[in-house]
Amino acid sequence: MILKNNNQKTELEEVNINEDVKQVLLGSLLGDASLKKVSKNASYSCAHSPKQKDYTFWKGKIINKNFITKIKLYRNGKLKLYKISTNCSNILTSLHPLFYVKSNKPKRNWEKIVNSNVLEQLTPLGIAVWYCDDGNYIVRDKACALMTQGFTYNENLILKEYFLKNWNINCIVQEDYRKDYKKSY
């Protein structure tokens, strides 16, 4: 796998990683997953509700091809989550600058970003994982949606352009009008 991030001026050397693992990582990092730098190297983590238990275990099984993976059930009152976590790894550390920039927001060290260099490496498997993390089907409109409100408006325009150019899917960047969101696209 060769990953390049021209925006961050980072070029990664080729690393020995299974292609399915790469796609699950890329898709889930665009979705619900995160990379945490807890030491010199980063670790991967992602949590899902019990409704996605089978999906969580499937992701864990794939990621386990290259990383030591643990899945635990966490309970906090009525809230239950299945959380996947991995060991720290220099490979995951190499992915960190492709998905994060230093944040200038209070109480946040890193802010998740999207860029075309990551998108260009996605295969249908990576997009499927992203959809399983952050997608939904709107029956009324017979349409699919990705919840991308964590990204900026300009990053959402990059996503729109990517889906049109690479998959001939014409997307709409639309504000999320639910009251519990302060910013959404």
C-alpha atoms as a PDB file:
ATOM      1  CA  MET A   1       0.000   0.000   0.000  1.00  0.00           C
ATOM      2  CA  ILE A   2       1.299   3.452  -0.842  1.00  0.00           C
ATOM      3  CA  LEU A   3      -0.455   6.393   0.769  1.00  0.00           C
ATOM      4  CA  LYS A   4       0.320   9.970  -0.123  1.00  0.00           C
ATOM      5  CA  ASN A   5      -0.932  13.106   1.528  1.00  0.00           C
ATOM      6  CA  ASN A   6       0.134  16.083  -0.526  1.00  0.00           C
ATOM      7  CA  ASN A   7      -1.834  18.475   1.703  1.00  0.00           C
ATOM      8  CA  GLN A   8       0.296  17.511   4.701  1.00  0.00           C
ATOM      9  CA  LYS A   9       3.469  16.941   2.638  1.00  0.00           C
ATOM     10  CA  THR A  10       3.626  13.390   3.900  1.00  0.00           C
ATOM     11  CA  GLU A  11       4.612  10.488   1.698  1.00  0.00           C
ATOM     12  CA  LEU A  12       4.466   7.063   3.216  1.00  0.00           C
ATOM     13  CA  GLU A  13       6.700   4.196   2.237  1.00  0.00           C
ATOM     14  CA  GLU A  14       5.143   0.996   1.033  1.00  0.00           C
ATOM     15  CA  VAL A  15       3.993  -1.117   3.966  1.00  0.00           C
ATOM     16  CA  ASN A  16       2.988  -4.746   4.094  1.00  0.00           C
ATOM     17  CA  ILE A  17      -0.740  -4.668   4.835  1.00  0.00           C
ATOM     18  CA  ASN A  18      -3.599  -6.799   3.573  1.00  0.00           C
ATOM     19  CA  GLU A  19      -5.776  -4.935   1.017  1.00  0.00           C
ATOM     20  CA  ASP A  20      -9.002  -5.800   2.874  1.00  0.00           C
ATOM     21  CA  VAL A  21      -7.480  -4.428   6.092  1.00  0.00           C
ATOM     22  CA  LYS A  22      -6.496  -1.244   4.259  1.00  0.00           C
ATOM     23  CA  GLN A  23     -10.049  -0.756   2.953  1.00  0.00           C
ATOM     24  CA  VAL A  24     -11.676  -1.446   6.322  1.00  0.00           C
ATOM     25  CA  LEU A  25      -9.299   1.065   7.932  1.00  0.00           C
ATOM     26  CA  LEU A  26      -9.831   3.755   5.273  1.00  0.00           C
ATOM     27  CA  GLY A  27     -13.618   3.348   5.215  1.00  0.00           C
ATOM     28  CA  SER A  28     -14.041   3.236   8.967  1.00  0.00           C
ATOM     29  CA  LEU A  29     -11.647   6.147   9.556  1.00  0.00           C
ATOM     30  CA  LEU A  30     -13.828   8.228   7.237  1.00  0.00           C
ATOM     31  CA  GLY A  31     -16.727   6.995   9.374  1.00  0.00           C
ATOM     32  CA  ASP A  32     -16.917   6.174  13.073  1.00  0.00           C
ATOM     33  CA  ALA A  33     -13.347   5.062  13.801  1.00  0.00           C
ATOM     34  CA  SER A  34     -10.474   7.083  15.184  1.00  0.00           C
ATOM     35  CA  LEU A  35      -6.726   6.881  15.549  1.00  0.00           C
ATOM     36  CA  LYS A  36      -5.403   7.848  18.940  1.00  0.00           C
ATOM     37  CA  LYS A  37      -1.793   8.737  19.581  1.00  0.00           C
ATOM     38  CA  VAL A  38      -1.378   7.430  23.105  1.00  0.00           C
ATOM     39  CA  SER A  39       2.371   6.925  22.817  1.00  0.00           C
ATOM     40  CA  LYS A  40       4.911   7.259  20.051  1.00  0.00           C
ATOM     41  CA  ASN A  41       2.547   5.247  17.843  1.00  0.00           C
ATOM     42  CA  ALA A  42      -1.182   5.389  17.173  1.00  0.00           C
ATOM     43  CA  SER A  43      -3.875   2.836  17.886  1.00  0.00           C
ATOM     44  CA  TYR A  44      -7.238   2.296  16.173  1.00  0.00           C
ATOM     45  CA  SER A  45     -10.585   2.284  17.942  1.00  0.00           C
ATOM     46  CA  CYS A  46     -14.207   2.179  16.877  1.00  0.00           C
ATOM     47  CA  ALA A  47     -17.460   1.578  18.747  1.00  0.00           C
ATOM     48  CA  HIS A  48     -20.866   0.412  17.544  1.00  0.00           C
ATOM     49  CA  SER A  49     -24.225  -0.286  19.137  1.00  0.00           C
ATOM     50  CA  PRO A  50     -25.390  -3.849  19.861  1.00  0.00           C
ATOM     51  CA  LYS A  51     -27.496  -3.648  16.658  1.00  0.00           C
ATOM     52  CA  GLN A  52     -24.176  -3.699  14.780  1.00  0.00           C
ATOM     53  CA  LYS A  53     -22.582  -6.461  16.848  1.00  0.00           C
ATOM     54  CA  ASP A  54     -22.060  -8.816  13.867  1.00  0.00           C
ATOM     55  CA  TYR A  55     -20.635  -5.966  11.790  1.00  0.00           C
ATOM     56  CA  THR A  56     -18.290  -5.012  14.649  1.00  0.00           C
ATOM     57  CA  PHE A  57     -16.978  -8.564  14.943  1.00  0.00           C
ATOM     58  CA  TRP A  58     -16.581  -8.770  11.148  1.00  0.00           C
ATOM     59  CA  LYS A  59     -14.481  -5.561  11.169  1.00  0.00           C
ATOM     60  CA  GLY A  60     -12.432  -6.882  14.060  1.00  0.00           C
ATOM     61  CA  LYS A  61     -11.762 -10.151  12.225  1.00  0.00           C
ATOM     62  CA  ILE A  62     -10.529  -8.296   9.119  1.00  0.00           C
ATOM     63  CA  ILE A  63      -8.344  -5.835  11.052  1.00  0.00           C
ATOM     64  CA  ASN A  64      -6.923  -8.719  13.076  1.00  0.00           C
ATOM     65  CA  LYS A  65      -5.138  -9.901   9.896  1.00  0.00           C
ATOM     66  CA  ASN A  66      -2.525  -7.180  10.507  1.00  0.00           C
ATOM     67  CA  PHE A  67      -3.065  -5.917  14.054  1.00  0.00           C
ATOM     68  CA  ILE A  68      -3.703  -7.338  17.503  1.00  0.00           C
ATOM     69  CA  THR A  69      -7.401  -6.627  17.961  1.00  0.00           C
ATOM     70  CA  LYS A  70      -9.672  -6.661  21.010  1.00  0.00           C
ATOM     71  CA  ILE A  71     -13.449  -6.308  21.062  1.00  0.00           C
ATOM     72  CA  LYS A  72     -15.145  -5.510  24.361  1.00  0.00           C
ATOM     73  CA  LEU A  73     -18.696  -4.746  25.406  1.00  0.00           C
ATOM     74  CA  TYR A  74     -18.853  -1.472  27.344  1.00  0.00           C
ATOM     75  CA  ARG A  75     -21.829  -0.526  29.484  1.00  0.00           C
ATOM     76  CA  ASN A  76     -22.571   2.923  30.835  1.00  0.00           C
ATOM     77  CA  GLY A  77     -26.031   2.916  32.346  1.00  0.00           C
ATOM     78  CA  LYS A  78     -28.418   1.955  29.551  1.00  0.00           C
ATOM     79  CA  LEU A  79     -25.809   2.628  26.865  1.00  0.00           C
ATOM     80  CA  LYS A  80     -24.056  -0.463  25.501  1.00  0.00           C
ATOM     81  CA  LEU A  81     -21.290  -0.344  22.905  1.00  0.00           C
ATOM     82  CA  TYR A  82     -19.044  -2.906  21.287  1.00  0.00           C
ATOM     83  CA  LYS A  83     -15.614  -1.344  20.962  1.00  0.00           C
ATOM     84  CA  ILE A  84     -12.806  -2.538  18.690  1.00  0.00           C
ATOM     85  CA  SER A  85      -9.303  -1.483  19.663  1.00  0.00           C
ATOM     86  CA  THR A  86      -5.879  -2.393  18.338  1.00  0.00           C
ATOM     87  CA  ASN A  87      -2.341  -2.324  19.550  1.00  0.00           C
ATOM     88  CA  CYS A  88      -0.222   0.745  18.821  1.00  0.00           C
ATOM     89  CA  SER A  89       1.522   0.477  15.476  1.00  0.00           C
ATOM     90  CA  ASN A  90       3.851   2.513  13.286  1.00  0.00           C
ATOM     91  CA  ILE A  91       1.544   1.675  10.338  1.00  0.00           C
ATOM     92  CA  LEU A  92      -1.382   3.348  12.113  1.00  0.00           C
ATOM     93  CA  THR A  93       0.894   6.251  13.032  1.00  0.00           C
ATOM     94  CA  SER A  94       1.646   6.637   9.311  1.00  0.00           C
ATOM     95  CA  LEU A  95      -2.093   6.904   8.620  1.00  0.00           C
ATOM     96  CA  HIS A  96      -2.675   9.563  11.297  1.00  0.00           C
ATOM     97  CA  PRO A  97      -1.603  12.626   9.241  1.00  0.00           C
ATOM     98  CA  LEU A  98      -3.868  11.520   6.377  1.00  0.00           C
ATOM     99  CA  PHE A  99      -6.938  11.852   8.604  1.00  0.00           C
ATOM    100  CA  TYR A 100      -6.057  14.490  11.212  1.00  0.00           C
ATOM    101  CA  VAL A 101      -4.712  18.019  11.542  1.00  0.00           C
ATOM    102  CA  LYS A 102      -3.852  19.909  14.720  1.00  0.00           C
ATOM    103  CA  SER A 103      -7.004  21.477  16.102  1.00  0.00           C
ATOM    104  CA  ASN A 104      -7.300  25.052  17.264  1.00  0.00           C
ATOM    105  CA  LYS A 105     -10.570  24.258  19.047  1.00  0.00           C
ATOM    106  CA  PRO A 106     -10.557  24.197  22.836  1.00  0.00           C
ATOM    107  CA  LYS A 107     -10.112  20.751  24.452  1.00  0.00           C
ATOM    108  CA  ARG A 108      -9.282  19.103  21.117  1.00  0.00           C
ATOM    109  CA  ASN A 109      -5.803  18.107  20.023  1.00  0.00           C
ATOM    110  CA  TRP A 110      -6.748  16.765  16.591  1.00  0.00           C
ATOM    111  CA  GLU A 111      -9.474  17.373  14.048  1.00  0.00           C
ATOM    112  CA  LYS A 112     -10.546  14.738  11.527  1.00  0.00           C
ATOM    113  CA  ILE A 113     -10.224  15.764   7.884  1.00  0.00           C
ATOM    114  CA  VAL A 114     -10.984  14.315   4.480  1.00  0.00           C
ATOM    115  CA  ASN A 115      -8.832  14.758   1.419  1.00  0.00           C
ATOM    116  CA  SER A 116      -8.891  13.486  -2.140  1.00  0.00           C
ATOM    117  CA  ASN A 117      -5.699  11.427  -1.696  1.00  0.00           C
ATOM    118  CA  VAL A 118      -7.463   9.105   0.748  1.00  0.00           C
ATOM    119  CA  LEU A 119     -10.650   9.024  -1.331  1.00  0.00           C
ATOM    120  CA  GLU A 120      -8.796   7.992  -4.491  1.00  0.00           C
ATOM    121  CA  GLN A 121      -7.621   4.802  -2.753  1.00  0.00           C
ATOM    122  CA  LEU A 122     -11.109   3.647  -1.778  1.00  0.00           C
ATOM    123  CA  THR A 123     -12.501   0.536  -3.401  1.00  0.00           C
ATOM    124  CA  PRO A 124     -16.128  -0.615  -3.146  1.00  0.00           C
ATOM    125  CA  LEU A 125     -15.210  -2.417   0.105  1.00  0.00           C
ATOM    126  CA  GLY A 126     -13.898   0.806   1.696  1.00  0.00           C
ATOM    127  CA  ILE A 127     -17.012   2.715   0.622  1.00  0.00           C
ATOM    128  CA  ALA A 128     -19.244  -0.086   1.950  1.00  0.00           C
ATOM    129  CA  VAL A 129     -17.521   0.079   5.345  1.00  0.00           C
ATOM    130  CA  TRP A 130     -17.885   3.866   5.395  1.00  0.00           C
ATOM    131  CA  TYR A 131     -21.581   3.501   4.548  1.00  0.00           C
ATOM    132  CA  CYS A 132     -22.076   0.874   7.281  1.00  0.00           C
ATOM    133  CA  ASP A 133     -20.487   3.303   9.759  1.00  0.00           C
ATOM    134  CA  ASP A 134     -22.112   6.583   8.716  1.00  0.00           C
ATOM    135  CA  GLY A 135     -24.713   5.850   6.065  1.00  0.00           C
ATOM    136  CA  ASN A 136     -28.446   5.430   5.988  1.00  0.00           C
ATOM    137  CA  TYR A 137     -31.182   4.740   3.478  1.00  0.00           C
ATOM    138  CA  ILE A 138     -34.012   7.245   3.192  1.00  0.00           C
ATOM    139  CA  VAL A 139     -37.077   5.228   2.181  1.00  0.00           C
ATOM    140  CA  ARG A 140     -39.179   8.279   1.271  1.00  0.00           C
ATOM    141  CA  ASP A 141     -36.562   9.527  -1.208  1.00  0.00           C
ATOM    142  CA  LYS A 142     -35.237   6.089  -2.235  1.00  0.00           C
ATOM    143  CA  ALA A 143     -31.784   7.519  -1.644  1.00  0.00           C
ATOM    144  CA  CYS A 144     -28.679   6.820   0.393  1.00  0.00           C
ATOM    145  CA  ALA A 145     -26.978   9.387   2.592  1.00  0.00           C
ATOM    146  CA  LEU A 146     -23.657   9.663   4.375  1.00  0.00           C
ATOM    147  CA  MET A 147     -23.620  11.628   7.607  1.00  0.00           C
ATOM    148  CA  THR A 148     -20.593  13.837   6.974  1.00  0.00           C
ATOM    149  CA  GLN A 149     -21.357  16.742   9.286  1.00  0.00           C
ATOM    150  CA  GLY A 150     -18.058  16.168  11.071  1.00  0.00           C
ATOM    151  CA  PHE A 151     -16.295  17.519   8.003  1.00  0.00           C
ATOM    152  CA  THR A 152     -16.216  21.125   6.804  1.00  0.00           C
ATOM    153  CA  TYR A 153     -18.410  22.428   4.012  1.00  0.00           C
ATOM    154  CA  ASN A 154     -15.405  22.500   1.643  1.00  0.00           C
ATOM    155  CA  GLU A 155     -14.537  18.895   2.542  1.00  0.00           C
ATOM    156  CA  ASN A 156     -18.124  17.941   1.759  1.00  0.00           C
ATOM    157  CA  LEU A 157     -17.680  19.536  -1.658  1.00  0.00           C
ATOM    158  CA  ILE A 158     -14.558  17.369  -2.138  1.00  0.00           C
ATOM    159  CA  LEU A 159     -16.704  14.322  -1.277  1.00  0.00           C
ATOM    160  CA  LYS A 160     -19.386  15.416  -3.741  1.00  0.00           C
ATOM    161  CA  GLU A 161     -16.805  15.832  -6.517  1.00  0.00           C
ATOM    162  CA  TYR A 162     -15.211  12.470  -5.685  1.00  0.00           C
ATOM    163  CA  PHE A 163     -18.490  10.531  -5.943  1.00  0.00           C
ATOM    164  CA  LEU A 164     -19.395  12.207  -9.237  1.00  0.00           C
ATOM    165  CA  LYS A 165     -15.963  11.777 -10.838  1.00  0.00           C
ATOM    166  CA  ASN A 166     -15.229   8.226  -9.651  1.00  0.00           C
ATOM    167  CA  TRP A 167     -18.639   6.588  -9.314  1.00  0.00           C
ATOM    168  CA  ASN A 168     -20.946   8.786 -11.435  1.00  0.00           C
ATOM    169  CA  ILE A 169     -23.065   9.466  -8.353  1.00  0.00           C
ATOM    170  CA  ASN A 170     -24.495  12.963  -8.194  1.00  0.00           C
ATOM    171  CA  CYS A 171     -24.585  13.954  -4.527  1.00  0.00           C
ATOM    172  CA  ILE A 172     -26.252  16.831  -2.778  1.00  0.00           C
ATOM    173  CA  VAL A 173     -24.527  18.630   0.083  1.00  0.00           C
ATOM    174  CA  GLN A 174     -27.440  19.379   2.341  1.00  0.00           C
ATOM    175  CA  GLU A 175     -27.735  20.891   5.777  1.00  0.00           C
ATOM    176  CA  ASP A 176     -28.967  18.561   8.475  1.00  0.00           C
ATOM    177  CA  TYR A 177     -31.948  20.283  10.039  1.00  0.00           C
ATOM    178  CA  ARG A 178     -32.145  18.170  13.182  1.00  0.00           C
ATOM    179  CA  LYS A 179     -32.124  20.475  16.195  1.00  0.00           C
ATOM    180  CA  ASP A 180     -29.393  18.621  18.085  1.00  0.00           C
ATOM    181  CA  TYR A 181     -26.706  19.500  15.519  1.00  0.00           C
ATOM    182  CA  LYS A 182     -24.972  22.853  15.630  1.00  0.00           C
ATOM    183  CA  LYS A 183     -23.191  22.439  12.293  1.00  0.00           C
ATOM    184  CA  SER A 184     -24.014  20.040   9.549  1.00  0.00           C
ATOM    185  CA  TYR A 185     -23.762  19.586   5.803  1.00  0.00           C
END
